[in-house]
Amino acid sequence: MYRVFEALDELVTILEEARGLPMTSSCVVPRGDVLDLLDEIRDALPGELDDAQDVLDRRDEIVGTADHQAEQVRSKARLDAEQVRTEADRDIDRRLAEAQAHAERLMADGRAEYDAAVARSKGEVDRMLQAGREAFEQAVEDGRIEQARLLSQTEVVQAAHAESARILDAAAEEAARQRKECDEYVDGKLREFEDLLAHILRTVGKGRTHLRGTLNGAAPGVVPFDYRA
């Protein structure tokens, strides 16, 4: 078929380059060259026409085969897509279950840490309160003893009163100091626990954000969280 087009192109070239006859639209062409090209076209056309007719005769068969193959491809694509969706659903369910279990573990660890911190703080507070009461009572008792001793000496009665008042004031100041230290200790422990809870909540928030990113896009592996980080 390509030779037919080449021969036709050569005929066109010959006609375009042919010498024209004066006063007419005719031209002079080499008869032998034109006849040779026409013979080539005539020899090539039957075979090409037969091939074209064979394609036309088998058109329905070719189209049917192509449609059948296309339907097979579409069916396989639908099955593959359904399998991918099923696997994606199972993977999403598994990741959700893992995320929920991890969040529950974080909350359980937080509650355990909270209970332990409260227990430690309560024990420390009780110990400090008891020590403060004992120190206060001892200071008061010492003041009373000293007051009684000083009152028994008439020549130093005034000094005894002053010393007694000083001792009582010192005891009261010591008791106030210990009570303040106790309050500061309890406040520090509660602040530590507040920071721990805030960190746990931030960790849970990061986990939920990561999970939403997994559900909306490609699903990388679940990143384990550590609330102690």
Protein backbone atom coordinates (compact mmCIF):
# COMPACT_ATOMS: atom_id res chain seq x y z
CA MET A 1 0.00 0.00 0.00
CA TYR A 2 2.91 2.32 0.69
CA ARG A 3 4.19 1.75 -2.88
CA VAL A 4 0.81 2.89 -4.26
CA PHE A 5 1.12 6.18 -2.40
CA GLU A 6 4.72 6.59 -3.51
CA ALA A 7 3.77 5.99 -7.16
CA LEU A 8 0.93 8.51 -6.94
CA ASP A 9 3.28 11.07 -5.40
CA GLU A 10 5.74 10.51 -8.24
CA LEU A 11 2.94 11.00 -10.82
CA VAL A 12 1.95 14.26 -9.18
CA THR A 13 5.59 15.40 -9.21
CA ILE A 14 5.96 14.52 -12.91
CA LEU A 15 2.81 16.49 -13.80
CA GLU A 16 3.86 19.47 -11.70
CA GLU A 17 7.31 19.58 -13.28
CA ALA A 18 6.15 18.81 -16.86
CA ARG A 19 6.78 21.43 -19.57
CA GLY A 20 3.58 23.20 -20.56
CA LEU A 21 2.42 23.76 -24.16
CA PRO A 22 2.14 27.40 -25.20
CA MET A 23 -1.34 28.87 -25.25
CA THR A 24 -2.88 25.71 -23.65
CA SER A 25 -3.30 24.08 -20.27
CA SER A 26 -1.69 20.89 -21.56
CA CYS A 27 1.82 19.66 -20.83
CA VAL A 28 4.40 17.24 -22.13
CA VAL A 29 5.11 14.23 -19.83
CA PRO A 30 7.42 11.25 -20.27
CA ARG A 31 5.03 8.55 -21.41
CA GLY A 32 7.24 5.62 -20.37
CA ASP A 33 7.68 6.87 -16.81
CA VAL A 34 3.96 7.54 -16.38
CA LEU A 35 3.00 4.14 -17.81
CA ASP A 36 5.50 2.40 -15.51
CA LEU A 37 4.05 4.13 -12.49
CA LEU A 38 0.50 3.30 -13.54
CA ASP A 39 1.50 -0.37 -13.99
CA GLU A 40 2.96 -0.42 -10.48
CA ILE A 41 -0.25 1.08 -9.07
CA ARG A 42 -2.37 -1.42 -11.01
CA ASP A 43 -0.24 -4.37 -9.80
CA ALA A 44 -0.31 -3.21 -6.16
CA LEU A 45 -3.99 -2.35 -5.83
CA PRO A 46 -5.56 -5.83 -6.12
CA GLY A 47 -3.58 -7.23 -3.22
CA GLU A 48 -4.29 -4.20 -1.04
CA LEU A 49 -7.98 -4.31 -1.98
CA ASP A 50 -8.12 -8.00 -1.12
CA ASP A 51 -6.55 -7.30 2.27
CA ALA A 52 -9.01 -4.44 2.88
CA GLN A 53 -11.96 -6.61 1.87
CA ASP A 54 -10.73 -9.39 4.17
CA VAL A 55 -10.64 -6.91 7.07
CA LEU A 56 -14.16 -5.72 6.19
CA ASP A 57 -15.44 -9.31 5.99
CA ARG A 58 -13.97 -10.11 9.39
CA ARG A 59 -15.04 -6.78 10.92
CA ASP A 60 -17.84 -8.24 13.03
CA GLU A 61 -15.60 -11.05 14.23
CA ILE A 62 -12.79 -8.64 15.11
CA VAL A 63 -15.17 -6.22 16.82
CA GLY A 64 -16.82 -9.09 18.74
CA THR A 65 -13.47 -10.42 19.87
CA ALA A 66 -12.39 -6.93 20.95
CA ASP A 67 -15.67 -6.42 22.85
CA HIS A 68 -15.28 -9.79 24.56
CA GLN A 69 -11.72 -9.01 25.58
CA ALA A 70 -12.77 -5.56 26.78
CA GLU A 71 -15.57 -7.07 28.87
CA GLN A 72 -13.13 -9.56 30.38
CA VAL A 73 -10.78 -6.71 31.24
CA ARG A 74 -13.65 -4.71 32.79
CA SER A 75 -14.87 -7.72 34.79
CA LYS A 76 -11.38 -8.39 36.11
CA ALA A 77 -10.97 -4.69 36.97
CA ARG A 78 -14.29 -4.73 38.87
CA LEU A 79 -13.25 -7.86 40.79
CA ASP A 80 -9.85 -6.36 41.58
CA ALA A 81 -11.47 -3.10 42.73
CA GLU A 82 -13.94 -4.98 44.93
CA GLN A 83 -11.13 -7.01 46.47
CA VAL A 84 -9.10 -3.84 47.11
CA ARG A 85 -12.11 -2.19 48.76
CA THR A 86 -12.74 -5.27 50.91
CA GLU A 87 -9.12 -5.42 52.01
CA ALA A 88 -9.13 -1.66 52.67
CA ASP A 89 -12.26 -1.98 54.83
CA ARG A 90 -10.68 -4.82 56.81
CA ASP A 91 -7.47 -2.82 57.22
CA ILE A 92 -9.41 0.26 58.39
CA ASP A 93 -11.36 -1.84 60.92
CA ARG A 94 -8.12 -3.36 62.20
CA ARG A 95 -6.43 0.02 62.52
CA LEU A 96 -9.45 1.48 64.31
CA ALA A 97 -9.45 -1.43 66.76
CA GLU A 98 -5.71 -1.01 67.36
CA ALA A 99 -6.08 2.75 67.87
CA GLN A 100 -8.96 2.26 70.32
CA ALA A 101 -7.04 -0.39 72.25
CA HIS A 102 -3.97 1.88 72.38
CA ALA A 103 -6.07 4.81 73.62
CA GLU A 104 -7.62 2.59 76.30
CA ARG A 105 -4.14 1.47 77.39
CA LEU A 106 -3.03 5.10 77.61
CA MET A 107 -6.06 6.00 79.72
CA ALA A 108 -5.52 2.98 81.98
CA ASP A 109 -1.85 3.90 82.43
CA GLY A 110 -2.87 7.50 83.17
CA ARG A 111 -5.42 6.40 85.77
CA ALA A 112 -2.86 4.10 87.40
CA GLU A 113 -0.27 6.89 87.48
CA TYR A 114 -2.88 9.26 88.91
CA ASP A 115 -3.86 6.82 91.66
CA ALA A 116 -0.20 6.20 92.51
CA ALA A 117 0.59 9.93 92.58
CA VAL A 118 -2.44 10.64 94.77
CA ALA A 119 -1.48 7.84 97.14
CA ARG A 120 2.12 9.09 97.37
CA SER A 121 0.98 12.68 97.87
CA LYS A 122 -1.53 11.70 100.56
CA GLY A 123 1.07 9.69 102.45
CA GLU A 124 3.60 12.51 102.23
CA VAL A 125 1.02 15.09 103.30
CA ASP A 126 -0.05 12.97 106.28
CA ARG A 127 3.57 12.50 107.31
CA MET A 128 4.33 16.20 107.06
CA LEU A 129 1.15 17.16 108.93
CA GLN A 130 1.94 14.69 111.68
CA ALA A 131 5.51 15.99 111.93
CA GLY A 132 4.21 19.56 112.02
CA ARG A 133 1.70 18.76 114.77
CA GLU A 134 4.34 16.97 116.82
CA ALA A 135 6.79 19.85 116.38
CA PHE A 136 4.13 22.38 117.30
CA GLU A 137 3.02 20.44 120.36
CA GLN A 138 6.63 19.97 121.46
CA ALA A 139 7.33 23.67 121.03
CA VAL A 140 4.23 24.62 123.01
CA GLU A 141 5.14 22.17 125.73
CA ASP A 142 8.69 23.52 125.87
CA GLY A 143 7.27 27.03 126.11
CA ARG A 144 4.98 26.08 128.94
CA ILE A 145 7.78 24.38 130.83
CA GLU A 146 10.06 27.33 130.31
CA GLN A 147 7.30 29.71 131.28
CA ALA A 148 6.63 27.82 134.49
CA ARG A 149 10.31 27.73 135.31
CA LEU A 150 10.74 31.42 134.71
CA LEU A 151 7.61 32.31 136.67
CA SER A 152 9.02 30.44 139.65
CA GLN A 153 11.89 32.93 139.80
CA THR A 154 10.50 36.25 141.01
CA GLU A 155 13.58 38.22 140.01
CA VAL A 156 13.19 37.23 136.34
CA VAL A 157 9.40 37.25 136.00
CA GLN A 158 9.40 39.90 133.27
CA ALA A 159 12.15 38.16 131.37
CA ALA A 160 10.25 34.90 131.68
CA HIS A 161 7.14 36.44 130.17
CA ALA A 162 9.13 37.82 127.25
CA GLU A 163 10.95 34.52 126.67
CA SER A 164 7.72 32.59 126.92
CA ALA A 165 6.08 34.84 124.37
CA ARG A 166 9.11 34.47 122.07
CA ILE A 167 9.02 30.70 122.32
CA LEU A 168 5.29 30.60 121.64
CA ASP A 169 5.72 32.95 118.67
CA ALA A 170 8.59 30.84 117.33
CA ALA A 171 6.49 27.70 117.72
CA ALA A 172 3.60 29.32 115.88
CA GLU A 173 5.95 30.49 113.10
CA GLU A 174 7.47 27.01 112.81
CA ALA A 175 4.01 25.46 112.61
CA ALA A 176 3.00 28.01 109.93
CA ARG A 177 6.21 27.32 107.99
CA GLN A 178 5.68 23.58 108.05
CA ARG A 179 2.04 24.02 107.03
CA LYS A 180 3.16 26.22 104.10
CA GLU A 181 5.78 23.64 103.04
CA CYS A 182 3.11 20.96 103.20
CA ASP A 183 0.74 23.05 101.04
CA GLU A 184 3.53 23.75 98.51
CA TYR A 185 4.42 20.07 98.34
CA VAL A 186 0.80 19.05 97.71
CA ASP A 187 0.45 21.80 95.09
CA GLY A 188 3.63 20.61 93.34
CA LYS A 189 2.39 17.02 93.22
CA LEU A 190 -0.98 18.09 91.84
CA ARG A 191 0.78 20.27 89.23
CA GLU A 192 2.90 17.28 88.14
CA PHE A 193 -0.22 15.19 87.77
CA GLU A 194 -1.93 17.99 85.82
CA ASP A 195 1.04 18.10 83.42
CA LEU A 196 0.87 14.31 83.05
CA LEU A 197 -2.83 14.41 82.19
CA ALA A 198 -2.25 17.25 79.68
CA HIS A 199 0.52 15.22 78.02
CA ILE A 200 -1.73 12.16 77.83
CA LEU A 201 -4.52 14.22 76.23
CA ARG A 202 -2.07 15.66 73.67
CA THR A 203 -0.86 12.14 72.86
CA VAL A 204 -4.44 10.92 72.37
CA GLY A 205 -5.14 13.94 70.15
CA LYS A 206 -2.08 13.14 68.02
CA GLY A 207 -3.25 9.54 67.71
CA ARG A 208 -6.71 10.66 66.54
CA THR A 209 -5.15 13.11 64.05
CA HIS A 210 -2.89 10.35 62.69
CA LEU A 211 -5.88 8.02 62.43
CA ARG A 212 -7.94 10.61 60.51
CA GLY A 213 -4.99 11.09 58.13
CA THR A 214 -4.84 7.34 57.59
CA LEU A 215 -8.59 7.17 56.85
CA ASN A 216 -8.48 10.10 54.39
CA GLY A 217 -5.31 9.15 52.51
CA ALA A 218 -2.83 6.34 52.07
CA ALA A 219 -2.70 4.06 55.13
CA PRO A 220 0.83 3.81 56.58
CA GLY A 221 1.49 1.62 59.55
CA VAL A 222 0.12 2.73 62.87
CA VAL A 223 2.74 4.73 64.76
CA PRO A 224 2.86 3.57 68.44
CA PHE A 225 2.29 6.31 70.98
CA ASP A 226 4.24 6.76 74.20
CA TYR A 227 2.70 9.13 76.71
CA ARG A 228 6.04 9.25 78.59
CA ALA A 229 7.86 10.71 75.57
